């Protein structure tokens, strides 16, 4: 899912969304939405993983809130990724706006820096690739809401390491379609414990016979803050969601998006009755 689509799902896209509520004498609430029209900002979606293969960075520009979900590609940029061991990897563009390097595997413990030069302006971002925490299993159970309709909820199971600060992001696919909900967690309350984390979402109903794939990412603290902020802004997020805002980025000078070095692993299951 494009990160700008996630912003739209949270009712804000790269601008100020202000809500003015006027209470009439009949107590009828009138809401005037002044949607952001700020456009042309750089949007970065960059990932380096521990799985050897193509690593890519996608560059686009944001559009007005009222526009369609079509984001112009940023072509002709100079994009490179380097690590703290002195290695530099130049990325090539194909297709437009997507910059990649092949046959590269990120190494846990390494610090990776993204450098982007576009339209005469330089951007940098740094992310640490942390150690792998094994995703043991993925299971399903009846949802608390509408349980009579045999809808299912997905739970992930893993052993959190003791005495180490860990942050996790999960990405779920149901029958090949990515769930739009964001799942980001840390180990503040289960350090060193065996975790059973429910991936609560209302985007796609899950039933027996469906195929569910869950990807687990071990992410650093800055990327956790980015995804956790987005998760809070979901209508079904903690506390029912909070006032939308652009999530804090690790890109300097401030742009939209993120650069994440992380481990990745996936488990697929067929949901049982």
Protein backbone atom coordinates (compact mmCIF):
# COMPACT_ATOMS: atom_id res chain seq x y z
CA UNK A 1 0.00 0.00 0.00
CA UNK A 2 1.36 3.43 -0.99
CA UNK A 3 2.12 5.48 2.13
CA UNK A 4 0.15 8.42 0.75
CA UNK A 5 -2.89 6.17 0.53
CA UNK A 6 -2.35 5.49 4.22
CA UNK A 7 -2.38 9.24 4.88
CA UNK A 8 -5.65 9.55 2.98
CA UNK A 9 -7.08 6.67 4.99
CA UNK A 10 -6.24 8.73 8.10
CA UNK A 11 -8.01 11.77 6.58
CA UNK A 12 -4.88 13.85 5.99
CA UNK A 13 -2.39 14.09 3.15
CA UNK A 14 0.74 16.21 3.33
CA UNK A 15 -1.01 19.39 4.35
CA UNK A 16 -3.14 20.84 7.07
CA UNK A 17 -6.60 19.38 7.37
CA UNK A 18 -8.59 21.71 9.61
CA UNK A 19 -12.05 20.94 10.89
CA UNK A 20 -14.34 23.78 11.98
CA UNK A 21 -17.41 22.68 13.88
CA UNK A 22 -20.29 25.13 14.16
CA UNK A 23 -23.10 24.33 16.56
CA UNK A 24 -26.47 25.68 15.51
CA UNK A 25 -29.27 26.44 17.93
CA UNK A 26 -30.84 23.07 17.10
CA UNK A 27 -27.60 21.39 18.21
CA UNK A 28 -26.97 20.24 14.64
CA UNK A 29 -23.23 19.92 13.99
CA UNK A 30 -21.96 21.43 10.76
CA UNK A 31 -18.43 20.43 9.72
CA UNK A 32 -16.44 22.49 7.22
CA UNK A 33 -13.41 20.60 5.89
CA UNK A 34 -10.62 22.80 4.55
CA UNK A 35 -8.49 20.17 2.86
CA UNK A 36 -4.79 20.69 2.20
CA UNK A 37 -3.73 21.71 -1.29
CA UNK A 38 0.02 21.76 -0.66
CA UNK A 39 1.65 19.76 -3.47
CA UNK A 40 5.01 18.90 -4.98
CA UNK A 41 6.75 17.68 -1.83
CA UNK A 42 9.16 14.78 -2.15
CA UNK A 43 7.85 11.43 -0.93
CA UNK A 44 10.38 8.68 -0.15
CA UNK A 45 9.59 4.99 0.28
CA UNK A 46 12.91 3.22 0.85
CA UNK A 47 13.66 -0.26 2.15
CA UNK A 48 16.81 -2.30 2.74
CA UNK A 49 16.21 -5.84 4.01
CA UNK A 50 18.33 -8.79 5.10
CA UNK A 51 17.04 -10.93 2.22
CA UNK A 52 19.43 -10.96 -0.74
CA UNK A 53 17.85 -9.54 -3.85
CA UNK A 54 16.61 -6.26 -5.26
CA UNK A 55 16.57 -3.38 -2.77
CA UNK A 56 14.65 -0.31 -3.88
CA UNK A 57 13.76 3.29 -3.15
CA UNK A 58 10.65 4.88 -4.66
CA UNK A 59 10.48 8.64 -5.17
CA UNK A 60 7.22 10.46 -5.91
CA UNK A 61 5.57 13.81 -5.29
CA UNK A 62 2.49 14.40 -3.20
CA UNK A 63 -0.75 15.71 -4.68
CA UNK A 64 -3.68 17.66 -3.27
CA UNK A 65 -6.04 15.82 -0.94
CA UNK A 66 -8.86 16.23 -3.42
CA UNK A 67 -6.87 14.65 -6.27
CA UNK A 68 -6.92 11.01 -7.28
CA UNK A 69 -4.37 8.56 -5.86
CA UNK A 70 -1.92 9.14 -8.72
CA UNK A 71 1.47 10.35 -7.52
CA UNK A 72 3.94 11.74 -10.08
CA UNK A 73 7.23 9.83 -10.24
CA UNK A 74 10.42 11.74 -9.51
CA UNK A 75 12.84 10.84 -12.31
CA UNK A 76 16.45 11.74 -12.95
CA UNK A 77 17.51 11.68 -9.30
CA UNK A 78 20.88 10.41 -8.06
CA UNK A 79 20.24 7.78 -5.39
CA UNK A 80 22.78 5.77 -3.38
CA UNK A 81 22.88 3.71 -0.20
CA UNK A 82 26.01 3.37 1.92
CA UNK A 83 26.81 1.47 5.12
CA UNK A 84 29.05 2.06 8.12
CA UNK A 85 31.62 -0.41 6.70
CA UNK A 86 32.54 1.94 3.87
CA UNK A 87 30.45 0.33 1.11
CA UNK A 88 28.42 2.47 -1.30
CA UNK A 89 25.76 1.13 -3.65
CA UNK A 90 24.59 3.31 -6.54
CA UNK A 91 20.98 2.74 -7.54
CA UNK A 92 19.65 2.76 -11.10
CA UNK A 93 16.23 3.98 -12.17
CA UNK A 94 13.68 1.60 -13.72
CA UNK A 95 10.76 2.09 -13.99
CA UNK A 96 10.34 5.86 -13.60
CA UNK A 97 10.73 6.95 -9.99
CA UNK A 98 11.94 3.56 -8.74
CA UNK A 99 15.66 3.27 -7.94
CA UNK A 100 17.16 -0.11 -7.15
CA UNK A 101 20.28 -2.18 -6.67
CA UNK A 102 20.28 -5.95 -7.23
CA UNK A 103 21.82 -8.81 -5.27
CA UNK A 104 22.25 -6.87 -2.06
CA UNK A 105 21.49 -8.23 1.41
CA UNK A 106 21.48 -5.95 4.42
CA UNK A 107 23.52 -7.18 7.38
CA UNK A 108 22.11 -7.04 10.92
CA UNK A 109 24.06 -4.55 13.00
CA UNK A 110 24.98 -2.36 10.03
CA UNK A 111 23.86 1.25 9.76
CA UNK A 112 22.60 2.26 6.31
CA UNK A 113 22.42 5.79 4.94
CA UNK A 114 20.30 6.86 2.00
CA UNK A 115 21.44 9.81 -0.13
CA UNK A 116 19.11 11.39 -2.67
CA UNK A 117 19.94 14.30 -4.96
CA UNK A 118 17.00 15.67 -6.94
CA UNK A 119 16.30 19.08 -8.42
CA UNK A 120 19.52 20.40 -6.90
CA UNK A 121 18.53 19.44 -3.36
CA UNK A 122 20.09 16.72 -1.23
CA UNK A 123 18.24 14.46 1.23
CA UNK A 124 19.67 11.91 3.66
CA UNK A 125 18.23 9.29 5.99
CA UNK A 126 19.82 6.74 8.30
CA UNK A 127 18.44 3.44 9.58
CA UNK A 128 19.97 0.57 11.58
CA UNK A 129 19.26 -3.01 10.56
CA UNK A 130 18.60 -4.83 13.83
CA UNK A 131 18.95 -8.52 14.67
CA UNK A 132 16.35 -11.03 13.55
CA UNK A 133 13.62 -12.02 15.99
CA UNK A 134 12.03 -15.22 14.72
CA UNK A 135 8.35 -15.28 13.80
CA UNK A 136 7.39 -18.66 15.25
CA UNK A 137 3.85 -19.07 13.97
CA UNK A 138 0.65 -17.42 12.76
CA UNK A 139 -2.76 -18.62 13.96
CA UNK A 140 -6.40 -17.58 13.67
CA UNK A 141 -9.31 -17.42 16.10
CA UNK A 142 -12.87 -16.14 16.17
CA UNK A 143 -13.26 -12.39 16.42
CA UNK A 144 -14.97 -10.97 19.49
CA UNK A 145 -17.18 -8.79 17.27
CA UNK A 146 -19.53 -10.64 14.92
CA UNK A 147 -18.16 -13.98 16.09
CA UNK A 148 -21.43 -15.62 15.08
CA UNK A 149 -20.57 -14.93 11.44
CA UNK A 150 -17.41 -17.06 11.80
CA UNK A 151 -15.09 -14.15 11.09
CA UNK A 152 -11.49 -14.72 12.12
CA UNK A 153 -8.72 -12.69 13.69
CA UNK A 154 -5.01 -13.30 13.10
CA UNK A 155 -2.47 -13.71 15.91
CA UNK A 156 1.33 -13.77 15.58
CA UNK A 157 3.59 -15.61 18.03
CA UNK A 158 7.26 -14.90 18.73
CA UNK A 159 9.84 -14.88 21.53
CA UNK A 160 10.98 -11.37 22.40
CA UNK A 161 14.66 -11.23 23.47
CA UNK A 162 15.26 -10.26 27.10
CA UNK A 163 16.99 -6.96 27.83
CA UNK A 164 17.01 -5.73 24.23
CA UNK A 165 14.79 -2.94 22.92
CA UNK A 166 12.83 -4.37 19.99
CA UNK A 167 10.27 -2.87 17.63
CA UNK A 168 8.15 -4.74 15.13
CA UNK A 169 6.01 -4.02 12.10
CA UNK A 170 3.63 -6.58 10.62
CA UNK A 171 2.16 -6.53 7.11
CA UNK A 172 -0.83 -8.76 6.36
CA UNK A 173 -2.21 -10.06 3.07
CA UNK A 174 -5.58 -11.81 2.70
CA UNK A 175 -5.89 -13.85 -0.50
CA UNK A 176 -3.10 -11.77 -1.99
CA UNK A 177 -4.59 -8.37 -1.07
CA UNK A 178 -2.70 -6.24 1.44
CA UNK A 179 -4.64 -5.18 4.52
CA UNK A 180 -4.52 -1.38 4.77
CA UNK A 181 -4.26 -1.33 8.55
CA UNK A 182 -0.85 -0.56 10.06
CA UNK A 183 0.56 -2.86 12.77
CA UNK A 184 3.51 -1.53 14.80
CA UNK A 185 4.52 -2.70 18.29
CA UNK A 186 7.41 -2.54 20.73
CA UNK A 187 8.38 -4.67 23.72
CA UNK A 188 7.85 -2.12 26.48
CA UNK A 189 5.38 -4.43 28.23
CA UNK A 190 6.59 -7.87 27.10
CA UNK A 191 10.38 -7.65 27.15
CA UNK A 192 11.80 -11.16 27.24
CA UNK A 193 8.34 -12.76 27.09
CA UNK A 194 6.72 -15.03 24.55
CA UNK A 195 4.37 -12.69 22.67
CA UNK A 196 0.92 -13.50 21.29
CA UNK A 197 0.01 -10.35 19.37
CA UNK A 198 -3.44 -9.95 17.81
CA UNK A 199 -3.48 -8.12 14.48
CA UNK A 200 -6.82 -6.37 14.88
CA UNK A 201 -8.28 -4.87 11.71
CA UNK A 202 -11.62 -4.25 10.03
CA UNK A 203 -10.37 -3.65 6.51
CA UNK A 204 -10.81 -7.17 5.11
CA UNK A 205 -13.06 -9.83 6.64
CA UNK A 206 -11.26 -13.15 7.14
CA UNK A 207 -13.10 -16.47 6.93
CA UNK A 208 -12.17 -20.18 7.04
CA UNK A 209 -10.48 -21.19 3.81
CA UNK A 210 -8.86 -17.80 3.22
CA UNK A 211 -5.10 -17.67 2.71
CA UNK A 212 -3.36 -15.20 5.01
CA UNK A 213 0.29 -14.20 4.71
CA UNK A 214 1.96 -12.19 7.47
CA UNK A 215 5.32 -10.47 7.07
CA UNK A 216 7.24 -9.59 10.24
CA UNK A 217 9.78 -6.77 10.15
CA UNK A 218 12.24 -5.98 12.95
CA UNK A 219 12.58 -2.18 12.72
CA UNK A 220 14.61 0.48 14.49
CA UNK A 221 13.14 3.06 16.85
CA UNK A 222 12.73 5.90 14.34
CA UNK A 223 10.86 3.70 11.87
CA UNK A 224 8.72 2.34 14.71
CA UNK A 225 7.73 5.91 15.61
CA UNK A 226 6.76 6.53 11.98
CA UNK A 227 4.53 3.45 11.67
CA UNK A 228 3.13 3.71 15.21
CA UNK A 229 2.03 7.29 14.51
CA UNK A 230 0.20 6.10 11.40
CA UNK A 231 -1.35 3.23 13.37
CA UNK A 232 -2.72 5.66 15.97
CA UNK A 233 -4.40 7.65 13.23
CA UNK A 234 -6.42 4.72 11.93
CA UNK A 235 -10.16 4.87 12.64
CA UNK A 236 -9.75 1.55 14.46
CA UNK A 237 -6.45 2.52 16.07
CA UNK A 238 -5.70 2.90 19.79
CA UNK A 239 -8.48 4.92 21.40
CA UNK A 240 -10.39 4.94 18.13
CA UNK A 241 -7.73 7.01 16.37
CA UNK A 242 -6.24 10.45 17.02
CA UNK A 243 -6.16 13.74 15.14
CA UNK A 244 -4.31 13.04 11.88
CA UNK A 245 -0.88 14.53 11.25
CA UNK A 246 2.13 13.72 9.11
CA UNK A 247 4.17 11.04 10.90
CA UNK A 248 7.71 12.00 11.98
CA UNK A 249 10.23 11.09 9.31
CA UNK A 250 13.90 10.09 9.50
CA UNK A 251 14.63 12.03 6.30
CA UNK A 252 16.68 15.26 6.45
CA UNK A 253 15.69 17.90 5.46
CA UNK A 254 12.16 16.88 6.31
CA UNK A 255 10.32 15.19 3.45
CA UNK A 256 7.39 12.81 3.44
CA UNK A 257 7.92 9.08 3.89
CA UNK A 258 10.70 6.98 5.37
CA UNK A 259 13.88 4.98 4.81
CA UNK A 260 13.85 1.63 6.63
CA UNK A 261 16.58 -0.96 7.07
CA UNK A 262 14.92 -4.03 8.56
CA UNK A 263 14.80 -7.80 8.66
CA UNK A 264 11.91 -9.57 7.00
CA UNK A 265 10.31 -13.00 7.25
CA UNK A 266 6.88 -14.32 6.30
CA UNK A 267 4.50 -17.14 7.19
CA UNK A 268 1.42 -18.10 5.17
CA UNK A 269 -1.52 -20.09 6.53
CA UNK A 270 -4.91 -21.31 5.32
CA UNK A 271 -7.46 -20.22 7.91
CA UNK A 272 -9.13 -23.13 9.69
CA UNK A 273 -12.82 -23.34 10.69
